[in-house]
N, C-alpha and C. Protein backbone atom coordinates (compact mmCIF):
# COMPACT_ATOMS: atom_id res chain seq x y z
N MET A 1 -11.40 -28.97 -12.31
CA MET A 1 -12.73 -28.79 -12.02
C MET A 1 -12.53 -27.06 -10.86
N LYS A 2 -13.51 -26.81 -11.72
CA LYS A 2 -13.07 -25.28 -10.55
C LYS A 2 -13.82 -25.52 -9.10
N THR A 3 -13.43 -25.29 -8.18
CA THR A 3 -14.10 -24.95 -6.98
C THR A 3 -14.96 -23.90 -6.67
N GLU A 4 -15.53 -23.66 -5.63
CA GLU A 4 -16.53 -22.37 -5.30
C GLU A 4 -14.97 -20.95 -4.64
N ASN A 5 -14.45 -21.20 -4.60
CA ASN A 5 -13.32 -20.40 -4.52
C ASN A 5 -12.82 -19.91 -5.30
N ASP A 6 -12.73 -20.63 -6.34
CA ASP A 6 -11.91 -19.91 -8.07
C ASP A 6 -13.45 -19.26 -8.49
N ARG A 7 -14.31 -19.83 -8.40
CA ARG A 7 -15.65 -18.87 -8.78
C ARG A 7 -15.81 -18.00 -8.34
N CYS A 8 -15.11 -17.65 -7.17
CA CYS A 8 -15.58 -16.01 -6.78
C CYS A 8 -14.60 -15.33 -7.16
N GLU A 9 -13.32 -15.74 -7.45
CA GLU A 9 -12.10 -14.69 -7.69
C GLU A 9 -12.44 -13.89 -8.67
N SER A 10 -11.88 -12.58 -7.93
CA SER A 10 -12.36 -11.46 -8.74
C SER A 10 -11.33 -11.58 -10.06
N GLY A 11 -12.00 -11.16 -11.32
CA GLY A 11 -11.22 -11.19 -12.49
C GLY A 11 -10.50 -10.00 -13.00
N ARG A 12 -9.88 -10.02 -13.76
CA ARG A 12 -9.01 -9.11 -14.75
C ARG A 12 -8.95 -7.38 -14.20
N ARG A 13 -8.50 -6.91 -13.63
CA ARG A 13 -8.70 -5.28 -13.29
C ARG A 13 -8.63 -4.23 -14.78
N ASP A 14 -9.46 -3.72 -14.28
CA ASP A 14 -9.97 -2.16 -15.60
C ASP A 14 -8.69 -1.68 -15.47
N ALA A 15 -7.81 -1.48 -16.59
CA ALA A 15 -6.67 -0.78 -16.43
C ALA A 15 -6.90 0.92 -16.40
N LEU A 16 -7.61 1.04 -17.55
CA LEU A 16 -7.99 2.40 -17.15
C LEU A 16 -8.68 3.12 -16.08
N LEU A 17 -9.73 2.72 -15.75
CA LEU A 17 -9.79 2.88 -14.11
C LEU A 17 -8.72 3.05 -13.14
N ASP A 18 -8.07 2.21 -13.07
CA ASP A 18 -6.85 2.18 -12.50
C ASP A 18 -5.99 3.16 -12.74
N THR A 19 -5.46 3.14 -14.06
CA THR A 19 -4.75 4.71 -14.01
C THR A 19 -5.79 5.80 -14.25
N LEU A 20 -6.50 6.24 -14.62
CA LEU A 20 -7.51 7.62 -13.54
C LEU A 20 -7.52 7.90 -12.45
N ARG A 21 -7.26 6.48 -11.69
CA ARG A 21 -7.75 6.86 -10.13
C ARG A 21 -5.78 7.06 -10.14
N GLY A 22 -5.29 6.25 -10.26
CA GLY A 22 -3.83 6.56 -9.95
C GLY A 22 -3.38 7.79 -10.52
N LEU A 23 -3.74 8.43 -11.47
CA LEU A 23 -3.56 10.13 -12.08
C LEU A 23 -3.81 10.98 -11.12
N ALA A 24 -5.36 10.37 -10.66
CA ALA A 24 -6.14 11.29 -9.56
C ALA A 24 -5.14 11.68 -8.06
N LEU A 25 -4.55 10.54 -7.60
CA LEU A 25 -4.04 10.41 -6.51
C LEU A 25 -2.83 11.13 -6.70
N LEU A 26 -2.21 11.29 -7.49
CA LEU A 26 -0.74 11.68 -7.83
C LEU A 26 -1.12 13.43 -7.90
N VAL A 27 -2.45 13.93 -8.76
CA VAL A 27 -2.39 15.02 -8.57
C VAL A 27 -2.78 15.61 -7.21
N ILE A 28 -3.69 14.46 -6.28
CA ILE A 28 -4.04 15.40 -4.86
C ILE A 28 -2.41 15.21 -4.08
N VAL A 29 -2.10 14.54 -4.35
CA VAL A 29 -0.45 14.39 -3.54
C VAL A 29 0.40 15.58 -4.13
N ILE A 30 0.44 15.86 -5.59
CA ILE A 30 1.38 17.20 -5.99
C ILE A 30 0.07 18.62 -5.37
N ASP A 31 -0.51 18.33 -4.99
CA ASP A 31 -1.13 19.68 -4.64
C ASP A 31 -1.47 19.78 -2.97
N HIS A 32 -0.64 18.58 -2.94
CA HIS A 32 -0.98 18.83 -1.06
C HIS A 32 0.81 18.84 -0.85
N ILE A 33 1.68 19.20 -1.28
CA ILE A 33 2.92 19.46 -1.04
C ILE A 33 3.37 20.75 -1.55
N VAL A 34 3.72 21.40 -0.39
CA VAL A 34 3.53 23.08 -0.54
C VAL A 34 5.11 23.57 -0.01
N PRO A 35 5.60 23.91 -0.59
CA PRO A 35 5.57 24.88 -2.00
C PRO A 35 5.84 23.95 -3.36
N ASN A 36 5.01 23.98 -3.80
CA ASN A 36 5.71 23.14 -5.06
C ASN A 36 5.18 23.79 -6.44
N ILE A 37 5.77 23.72 -7.51
CA ILE A 37 5.75 24.42 -8.57
C ILE A 37 4.63 23.55 -9.52
N LEU A 38 4.73 22.04 -9.23
CA LEU A 38 3.67 21.82 -10.42
C LEU A 38 2.12 21.80 -10.02
N SER A 39 1.78 22.07 -8.99
CA SER A 39 1.07 22.47 -8.00
C SER A 39 0.23 23.84 -8.92
N GLU A 40 1.10 23.87 -9.39
CA GLU A 40 0.76 25.84 -9.93
C GLU A 40 -0.32 25.36 -11.49
N PHE A 41 -0.36 24.18 -11.66
CA PHE A 41 -1.00 23.64 -13.27
C PHE A 41 -1.82 22.38 -12.71
N THR A 42 -2.20 22.05 -11.84
CA THR A 42 -3.21 21.28 -11.33
C THR A 42 -4.66 21.86 -11.97
N PRO A 43 -5.89 21.26 -11.83
CA PRO A 43 -7.13 21.32 -12.31
C PRO A 43 -7.38 22.39 -10.76
N ARG A 44 -6.93 22.53 -9.81
CA ARG A 44 -7.13 23.27 -8.86
C ARG A 44 -7.37 24.35 -8.64
N MET A 45 -5.97 24.97 -9.27
CA MET A 45 -5.77 26.10 -9.87
C MET A 45 -6.84 26.53 -11.13
N PHE A 46 -7.39 25.81 -11.74
CA PHE A 46 -8.07 26.49 -12.61
C PHE A 46 -9.75 26.64 -12.28
N GLY A 47 -10.12 26.37 -11.26
CA GLY A 47 -11.34 26.55 -10.35
C GLY A 47 -11.94 25.11 -10.50
N PHE A 48 -11.05 24.11 -10.85
CA PHE A 48 -12.20 22.94 -10.68
C PHE A 48 -12.07 22.25 -9.26
N SER A 49 -12.11 20.94 -9.19
CA SER A 49 -11.88 20.34 -8.00
C SER A 49 -10.50 20.04 -7.91
N ASP A 50 -9.91 19.89 -6.90
CA ASP A 50 -8.37 19.04 -6.69
C ASP A 50 -8.00 17.78 -6.68
N MET A 51 -9.28 17.49 -7.42
CA MET A 51 -9.16 16.02 -8.06
C MET A 51 -9.75 14.82 -7.30
N SER A 52 -9.79 15.07 -5.92
CA SER A 52 -10.54 14.00 -4.81
C SER A 52 -11.98 13.82 -5.19
N ASP A 53 -12.78 14.67 -6.01
CA ASP A 53 -13.62 14.39 -6.56
C ASP A 53 -13.84 13.26 -7.70
N LEU A 54 -12.96 13.44 -8.15
CA LEU A 54 -12.74 12.16 -9.42
C LEU A 54 -12.19 11.26 -8.91
N PHE A 55 -11.34 11.31 -8.07
CA PHE A 55 -11.05 10.01 -7.37
C PHE A 55 -12.12 9.04 -6.33
N VAL A 56 -13.03 10.11 -5.72
CA VAL A 56 -14.31 9.10 -5.23
C VAL A 56 -15.06 8.64 -6.36
N ILE A 57 -15.22 9.34 -7.15
CA ILE A 57 -16.49 8.79 -8.47
C ILE A 57 -15.45 7.46 -9.00
N ILE A 58 -14.15 7.14 -9.52
CA ILE A 58 -13.65 6.39 -10.27
C ILE A 58 -13.76 5.58 -9.28
N SER A 59 -13.62 5.41 -8.07
CA SER A 59 -13.40 4.71 -6.98
C SER A 59 -14.87 3.69 -6.82
N GLY A 60 -15.65 4.89 -6.57
CA GLY A 60 -17.26 4.20 -6.93
C GLY A 60 -17.63 3.38 -7.71
N ILE A 61 -17.24 3.38 -8.94
CA ILE A 61 -17.04 3.34 -10.51
C ILE A 61 -16.31 1.59 -10.29
N SER A 62 -15.47 1.53 -9.70
CA SER A 62 -14.30 0.36 -9.91
C SER A 62 -14.86 -0.56 -8.72
N CYS A 63 -15.11 0.19 -8.01
CA CYS A 63 -15.90 -1.42 -6.13
C CYS A 63 -17.24 -1.58 -7.05
N GLY A 64 -18.28 -0.74 -7.22
CA GLY A 64 -19.36 -0.92 -8.21
C GLY A 64 -18.99 -2.66 -9.09
N VAL A 65 -18.16 -2.33 -9.90
CA VAL A 65 -18.10 -2.95 -11.44
C VAL A 65 -17.38 -4.76 -10.65
N SER A 66 -16.25 -4.05 -9.71
CA SER A 66 -15.47 -5.45 -9.11
C SER A 66 -16.41 -6.48 -8.59
N GLN A 67 -17.56 -5.43 -7.82
CA GLN A 67 -17.54 -6.28 -6.52
C GLN A 67 -19.13 -6.68 -7.35
N SER A 68 -19.93 -6.37 -8.35
CA SER A 68 -21.46 -6.99 -8.66
C SER A 68 -21.08 -7.80 -9.65
N LYS A 69 -19.89 -8.06 -10.07
CA LYS A 69 -19.21 -9.16 -10.61
C LYS A 69 -19.16 -10.52 -9.81
N ARG A 70 -18.72 -10.57 -8.94
CA ARG A 70 -18.75 -10.94 -7.41
C ARG A 70 -20.03 -11.24 -6.95
N PHE A 71 -20.72 -10.20 -7.32
CA PHE A 71 -22.33 -10.62 -6.28
C PHE A 71 -22.85 -11.41 -7.49
N ARG A 72 -22.79 -11.64 -8.49
CA ARG A 72 -23.35 -12.34 -9.65
C ARG A 72 -22.97 -13.71 -9.18
N GLN A 73 -21.63 -14.07 -9.13
CA GLN A 73 -20.70 -15.07 -9.16
C GLN A 73 -21.03 -15.72 -8.20
N CYS A 74 -21.13 -15.36 -6.65
CA CYS A 74 -21.05 -15.68 -5.48
C CYS A 74 -21.81 -15.24 -4.41
N GLY A 75 -22.86 -14.23 -4.72
CA GLY A 75 -23.75 -13.92 -4.13
C GLY A 75 -23.43 -12.67 -3.03
N PHE A 76 -24.46 -12.47 -2.30
CA PHE A 76 -24.33 -11.28 -1.20
C PHE A 76 -22.96 -11.82 -0.04
N ARG A 77 -23.26 -12.58 1.07
CA ARG A 77 -22.51 -13.00 1.38
C ARG A 77 -21.38 -12.91 1.39
N GLU A 78 -20.65 -13.72 0.49
CA GLU A 78 -19.49 -13.81 -0.03
C GLU A 78 -18.86 -12.54 -0.60
N THR A 79 -19.58 -11.75 -1.22
CA THR A 79 -19.20 -10.47 -1.96
C THR A 79 -19.05 -9.93 -0.28
N GLN A 80 -19.71 -9.45 0.56
CA GLN A 80 -19.76 -8.91 1.66
C GLN A 80 -18.65 -9.02 2.50
N ARG A 81 -18.41 -10.45 2.55
CA ARG A 81 -17.37 -11.36 3.21
C ARG A 81 -15.83 -10.68 3.35
N ARG A 82 -15.87 -10.76 1.59
CA ARG A 82 -14.43 -10.43 0.90
C ARG A 82 -14.61 -8.87 0.83
N ALA A 83 -15.41 -8.46 1.05
CA ALA A 83 -15.39 -6.66 1.29
C ALA A 83 -14.63 -6.11 2.44
N PHE A 84 -15.09 -7.18 3.78
CA PHE A 84 -14.68 -7.19 4.75
C PHE A 84 -13.27 -6.80 4.92
N GLU A 85 -12.69 -8.19 4.18
CA GLU A 85 -11.24 -8.79 4.01
C GLU A 85 -10.17 -7.35 3.62
N ARG A 86 -11.32 -7.43 2.75
CA ARG A 86 -10.03 -5.97 1.71
C ARG A 86 -10.15 -4.61 2.71
N ALA A 87 -11.42 -4.32 3.32
CA ALA A 87 -11.30 -3.29 4.14
C ALA A 87 -9.98 -3.54 5.46
N LEU A 88 -10.43 -5.10 6.23
CA LEU A 88 -9.57 -5.22 7.02
C LEU A 88 -7.89 -4.59 6.81
N GLN A 89 -7.68 -5.33 5.37
CA GLN A 89 -5.98 -4.79 4.62
C GLN A 89 -5.57 -4.02 4.59
N LEU A 90 -6.89 -3.00 3.98
CA LEU A 90 -6.47 -1.33 3.64
C LEU A 90 -6.17 -0.99 5.50
N TYR A 91 -7.06 -1.16 6.24
CA TYR A 91 -6.53 -0.85 7.86
C TYR A 91 -5.71 -1.13 8.01
N LEU A 92 -5.33 -2.29 8.09
CA LEU A 92 -3.68 -2.65 8.85
C LEU A 92 -2.74 -2.11 7.70
N ALA A 93 -2.68 -1.93 6.69
CA ALA A 93 -1.74 -0.97 5.93
C ALA A 93 -1.82 0.44 6.48
N TYR A 94 -2.92 0.95 6.53
CA TYR A 94 -2.88 2.30 7.21
C TYR A 94 -2.03 2.05 8.69
N LEU A 95 -2.44 1.51 9.22
CA LEU A 95 -1.59 0.98 10.53
C LEU A 95 0.00 1.20 10.42
N LEU A 96 0.20 0.28 9.79
CA LEU A 96 1.43 0.48 9.43
C LEU A 96 2.06 1.47 8.81
N THR A 97 1.85 2.13 7.50
CA THR A 97 2.15 3.24 7.43
C THR A 97 1.96 4.60 7.97
N VAL A 98 0.99 4.53 9.45
CA VAL A 98 1.59 5.70 10.49
C VAL A 98 2.32 5.20 11.37
N CYS A 99 2.55 3.84 11.43
CA CYS A 99 3.60 3.64 12.67
C CYS A 99 4.79 3.65 11.65
N ALA A 100 4.92 3.96 10.82
CA ALA A 100 6.36 3.81 10.10
C ALA A 100 6.54 5.31 10.05
N CYS A 101 5.54 6.21 9.77
CA CYS A 101 6.27 7.65 9.22
C CYS A 101 5.85 8.49 10.61
N ALA A 102 4.84 8.08 11.86
CA ALA A 102 5.06 8.97 12.70
C ALA A 102 6.14 9.36 13.49
N PRO A 103 7.14 8.36 13.60
CA PRO A 103 8.59 8.67 14.46
C PRO A 103 9.43 9.64 13.43
N LEU A 104 9.25 9.41 12.20
CA LEU A 104 10.51 9.79 11.30
C LEU A 104 9.75 11.52 11.24
N LEU A 105 8.42 11.87 10.78
CA LEU A 105 7.85 12.75 10.75
C LEU A 105 8.12 13.52 12.11
N TRP A 106 8.05 13.09 13.48
CA TRP A 106 8.17 13.77 14.67
C TRP A 106 9.96 14.52 14.91
N LEU A 107 10.55 12.85 14.48
CA LEU A 107 11.97 13.53 14.02
C LEU A 107 12.34 14.77 13.22
N LEU A 108 11.77 14.62 11.89
CA LEU A 108 11.85 15.49 11.07
C LEU A 108 11.21 17.03 11.26
N ASP A 109 10.14 16.97 12.21
CA ASP A 109 9.56 18.28 12.77
C ASP A 109 10.33 19.28 13.02
N LYS A 110 11.75 18.85 14.09
CA LYS A 110 12.61 19.37 14.35
C LYS A 110 13.17 20.42 13.39
N GLU A 111 13.32 20.15 12.65
CA GLU A 111 13.53 20.68 11.08
C GLU A 111 13.26 21.11 10.13
N LEU A 112 11.99 20.83 10.05
CA LEU A 112 10.78 21.39 9.09
C LEU A 112 9.58 21.62 10.13
N PRO A 113 9.44 22.63 10.35
CA PRO A 113 7.95 23.06 11.40
C PRO A 113 6.50 22.89 10.73
N VAL A 114 6.79 22.54 8.75
CA VAL A 114 5.63 22.59 8.71
C VAL A 114 4.88 21.22 8.97
N LEU A 115 5.80 20.33 9.10
CA LEU A 115 5.05 18.76 9.27
C LEU A 115 4.22 19.24 10.70
N ASN A 116 4.37 20.06 11.56
CA ASN A 116 3.25 19.91 12.57
C ASN A 116 1.88 19.79 12.07
N GLN A 117 1.47 19.91 10.95
CA GLN A 117 -0.42 19.49 10.19
C GLN A 117 -0.12 18.35 10.19
N LEU A 118 1.23 17.54 9.80
CA LEU A 118 0.89 15.99 9.30
C LEU A 118 1.20 15.13 11.10
N VAL A 119 1.52 15.85 12.09
CA VAL A 119 1.55 15.11 13.17
C VAL A 119 1.53 15.73 14.51
N ASP A 120 0.77 14.85 15.67
CA ASP A 120 0.83 16.23 16.48
C ASP A 120 2.05 16.10 17.44
N SER A 121 2.69 17.77 17.93
CA SER A 121 3.59 17.39 18.79
C SER A 121 3.64 17.11 19.75
N GLN A 122 2.53 16.68 20.26
CA GLN A 122 1.70 16.44 21.33
C GLN A 122 2.08 14.59 21.14
N PHE A 123 2.62 13.90 20.66
CA PHE A 123 2.31 12.86 20.34
C PHE A 123 2.14 11.69 21.88
N ASN A 124 0.67 11.47 22.32
CA ASN A 124 0.25 11.01 23.75
C ASN A 124 -0.30 9.50 22.92
N GLY A 125 -1.20 9.09 24.29
CA GLY A 125 -1.61 7.76 24.28
C GLY A 125 -3.18 8.10 23.52
N LEU A 126 -3.51 9.30 23.68
CA LEU A 126 -4.54 10.04 22.74
C LEU A 126 -4.74 9.92 21.55
N THR A 127 -3.29 10.66 21.26
CA THR A 127 -3.16 10.34 19.55
C THR A 127 -3.31 9.39 18.92
N ILE A 128 -2.43 8.63 20.10
CA ILE A 128 -2.70 6.80 19.24
C ILE A 128 -3.63 6.42 19.11
N GLN A 129 -5.05 6.33 20.88
CA GLN A 129 -6.59 5.82 20.30
C GLN A 129 -6.69 6.69 19.01
N LYS A 130 -7.17 7.94 18.57
CA LYS A 130 -7.48 8.43 17.40
C LYS A 130 -6.80 8.34 16.44
N ILE A 131 -5.80 7.86 15.88
CA ILE A 131 -4.97 6.86 15.12
C ILE A 131 -5.92 5.59 15.14
N VAL A 132 -5.72 5.00 15.60
CA VAL A 132 -6.40 3.92 15.65
C VAL A 132 -7.89 3.39 15.75
N LEU A 133 -8.48 4.35 15.99
CA LEU A 133 -9.99 4.47 15.71
C LEU A 133 -10.27 5.15 14.16
N MET A 134 -9.37 5.39 13.56
CA MET A 134 -9.01 6.77 12.37
C MET A 134 -9.71 8.16 13.08
N ARG A 135 -9.55 8.48 13.65
CA ARG A 135 -10.10 9.56 13.52
C ARG A 135 -9.23 10.86 13.60
N HIS A 136 -8.07 10.49 13.58
CA HIS A 136 -6.90 11.21 13.34
C HIS A 136 -6.27 10.64 12.31
N SER A 137 -5.72 11.67 11.33
CA SER A 137 -4.43 10.94 10.04
C SER A 137 -3.71 11.70 9.68
N MET A 138 -2.41 11.38 9.39
CA MET A 138 -1.80 12.07 9.09
C MET A 138 -1.27 12.46 7.62
N GLY A 139 -1.49 13.61 6.93
CA GLY A 139 -1.33 13.82 5.34
C GLY A 139 -2.41 13.41 4.48
N PRO A 140 -2.49 12.62 3.62
CA PRO A 140 -3.60 12.25 2.74
C PRO A 140 -4.30 10.88 3.18
N LEU A 141 -4.01 10.60 4.22
CA LEU A 141 -4.40 9.26 4.69
C LEU A 141 -6.05 9.27 5.13
N PRO A 142 -6.75 10.52 4.93
CA PRO A 142 -8.33 10.72 4.83
C PRO A 142 -9.04 10.27 4.03
N ILE A 143 -8.25 10.14 2.39
CA ILE A 143 -9.02 9.67 1.55
C ILE A 143 -9.55 8.15 1.68
N LEU A 144 -8.21 7.56 2.63
CA LEU A 144 -8.10 5.69 2.48
C LEU A 144 -9.30 5.59 3.48
N LYS A 145 -10.31 6.49 4.30
CA LYS A 145 -11.56 5.95 5.46
C LYS A 145 -11.98 6.07 4.25
N LEU A 146 -12.37 6.92 3.22
CA LEU A 146 -13.40 7.17 2.55
C LEU A 146 -13.51 5.84 1.81
N TYR A 147 -12.49 5.13 0.97
CA TYR A 147 -12.15 3.92 -0.22
C TYR A 147 -12.82 3.12 0.93
N MET A 148 -12.48 2.64 2.37
CA MET A 148 -12.67 1.26 2.96
C MET A 148 -14.29 1.38 3.39
N MET A 149 -14.90 3.15 2.92
CA MET A 149 -16.11 2.49 3.22
C MET A 149 -17.01 2.08 2.36
N PHE A 150 -16.59 2.59 1.02
CA PHE A 150 -16.61 2.38 -0.21
C PHE A 150 -17.01 0.97 -0.36
N ILE A 151 -15.69 0.31 0.16
CA ILE A 151 -15.60 -1.06 -0.28
C ILE A 151 -16.62 -1.67 0.93
N VAL A 152 -16.92 -1.37 2.01
CA VAL A 152 -17.48 -2.16 3.10
C VAL A 152 -19.48 -1.99 2.41
N ALA A 153 -19.73 -0.95 1.77
CA ALA A 153 -21.13 -0.69 1.65
C ALA A 153 -21.25 -0.75 -0.31
N THR A 154 -20.32 -1.38 -0.77
CA THR A 154 -20.94 -1.58 -1.97
C THR A 154 -21.64 -2.60 -2.40
N PRO A 155 -21.24 -3.80 -1.48
CA PRO A 155 -22.29 -4.60 -1.83
C PRO A 155 -23.66 -4.65 -1.65
N CYS A 156 -24.04 -4.05 -0.60
CA CYS A 156 -25.00 -3.65 0.17
C CYS A 156 -25.98 -2.84 -1.29
N LEU A 157 -25.07 -1.69 -1.64
CA LEU A 157 -25.26 -0.79 -2.74
C LEU A 157 -25.88 -1.79 -4.37
N VAL A 158 -25.05 -2.98 -4.25
CA VAL A 158 -25.11 -3.55 -5.82
C VAL A 158 -26.63 -4.39 -5.28
N ALA A 159 -26.74 -4.64 -4.14
CA ALA A 159 -28.29 -5.35 -4.13
C ALA A 159 -29.81 -4.52 -4.19
N ILE A 160 -29.16 -3.52 -3.46
CA ILE A 160 -30.04 -2.49 -3.99
C ILE A 160 -30.22 -2.09 -5.13
N CYS A 161 -29.35 -1.63 -5.90
CA CYS A 161 -29.09 -1.39 -7.54
C CYS A 161 -29.87 -2.68 -8.23
N ARG A 162 -29.57 -3.90 -7.62
CA ARG A 162 -30.46 -5.00 -8.49
C ARG A 162 -31.82 -4.88 -8.48
N ARG A 163 -32.41 -4.48 -7.70
CA ARG A 163 -34.27 -3.63 -7.46
C ARG A 163 -34.53 -2.38 -7.85
N SER A 164 -33.63 -1.66 -7.58
CA SER A 164 -33.73 -0.31 -8.48
C SER A 164 -32.72 0.61 -8.49
N ARG A 165 -32.39 0.71 -9.82
CA ARG A 165 -31.33 1.53 -9.97
C ARG A 165 -31.41 3.20 -10.15
N VAL A 166 -32.45 3.73 -10.26
CA VAL A 166 -33.35 4.66 -9.95
C VAL A 166 -32.84 5.47 -7.98
N PHE A 167 -33.07 4.24 -7.29
CA PHE A 167 -33.00 4.55 -5.91
C PHE A 167 -31.35 4.95 -5.88
N VAL A 168 -30.47 3.92 -6.55
CA VAL A 168 -29.14 4.59 -5.81
C VAL A 168 -28.99 5.25 -6.83
N ILE A 169 -29.34 5.74 -7.85
CA ILE A 169 -28.75 7.09 -8.65
C ILE A 169 -29.62 8.55 -7.76
N VAL A 170 -30.51 8.21 -7.46
CA VAL A 170 -31.00 9.48 -6.86
C VAL A 170 -30.42 9.63 -5.57
N GLY A 171 -30.22 8.48 -4.59
CA GLY A 171 -29.75 8.47 -3.27
C GLY A 171 -28.16 9.16 -3.27
N SER A 172 -27.26 8.93 -4.62
CA SER A 172 -26.23 9.34 -4.70
C SER A 172 -25.99 10.58 -5.03
N VAL A 173 -26.73 11.08 -5.56
CA VAL A 173 -27.28 12.78 -6.46
C VAL A 173 -27.24 13.29 -5.10
N ALA A 174 -27.89 12.97 -4.15
CA ALA A 174 -28.60 13.49 -2.93
C ALA A 174 -27.77 13.79 -2.24
N ILE A 175 -26.49 12.52 -1.97
CA ILE A 175 -25.49 13.05 -0.84
C ILE A 175 -24.67 13.35 -1.53
N TYR A 176 -24.59 14.00 -2.98
CA TYR A 176 -23.03 14.46 -3.25
C TYR A 176 -23.99 16.05 -3.24
N VAL A 177 -24.98 16.41 -3.49
CA VAL A 177 -25.64 17.77 -3.57
C VAL A 177 -25.10 18.33 -2.10
N ALA A 178 -25.59 17.20 -0.72
CA ALA A 178 -25.99 17.73 0.28
C ALA A 178 -24.26 18.06 0.78
N VAL A 179 -23.24 17.73 0.44
CA VAL A 179 -22.05 17.77 0.85
C VAL A 179 -21.46 18.76 0.61
N GLN A 180 -22.06 19.37 -0.73
CA GLN A 180 -21.53 20.83 -1.32
C GLN A 180 -21.42 21.41 -0.70
């Protein structure tokens, strides 16, 4: 007999969405490594985006698909609770990554001055506070903040979308146009 928890478990992942999102992230990382011969052949060099737009679109679709299934099965509260749990997991992974990388980058900075972009040479209490509050990020980690916002906002957007898809689409287009 299925329990409430079994019923609310997420289903299978969409391999195509995961693959496209992974490829977009790979291209973003390639574009952020300077100098790099591979970055000469990425879409950024041909006048298109640096793939962050594609990552954002695919992440939004992925969040919407997975959370709308959960919303139908479990309702808003359970979907929102799970979204906050997932965002917390990502936040803890972010902190762990920063804590693991910051000392290494600080040590390497003496040999590779280009790493000043990634970590403050004045690593102090204010820097730590900014990292904990996610107001300062090393390298390509800022995209994680955006993804966490997607995860937390999606249950609300799914609830709104169930009433008016047009409102969500027009709102999404308006936000996209506003940030261009």
